[in-house]
Amino acid sequence: MTAASFAGSQANAVAEASCLNQDRRDPERSNPARNRPTSQSPFPKNVHFMSSTSEWSTPQWLFDTLNVEFHFTLDPCATPGNAKCPNYFTLKEDGLSQDWGRNTVFMNPPYGRAISRWMRKAYESARQGATVVCLVPARTDTNWWHQFAIKGEVRFLKGRIRFGDARNTAPFPSAVVVFRGVET
């Protein structure tokens, strides 16, 4: 291989890596058009960030395991059918606008674009005295992960979990992030 062809192959490798890195961008900033199928491919480019719903019902075994450790008192992201705690907020009651007080909170937030607002709320509520345990996708390449998740205790879950009545496991890895209540 000549020096010129080696340099050319290096440039191609850098260009390919650049394209790959673009696909790993924060989905909150990505162009929605990237998720549309093209005439070249019938599949969307960012399938890991797509779903027909942003609500993923927590597996009961996982909640029970965490509940033994934390003794949860509030579920701020619930529906009447999937609430994990006697005290819960539904979409209508808007858990983001509620005071979580000094509760021990189990939070499985909607996994859409609003997840950053939920993680901010969890982090800020912990600074006011609540303990908040968050079940979230392990998206270490996103802004919300670096702004909030890494400030908590992060527990990566082995494998991929099956949410609710889903036939298959999630298309993403998950993590539990714990923000322990500390008054400032």
Foldseek 3Di string as FASTA:
>chain_A
DDPVVVVVVVVVVVVVVVVVVLLLAAPLPDDPVQQCDDPVGNGRSNVLQDDPWLDFQADPVVVVVVCVVQVFAEEADDDVVRDPHPHYHYVVNHSLPDQPAQTAYEYAHRQHSCVLSVQVSQQVNLQQHHKYKYKYFPSCNHPSCVVGQVVFDKAWDPDFAHTDPDPDGRPTTIIIGIRHRHYD
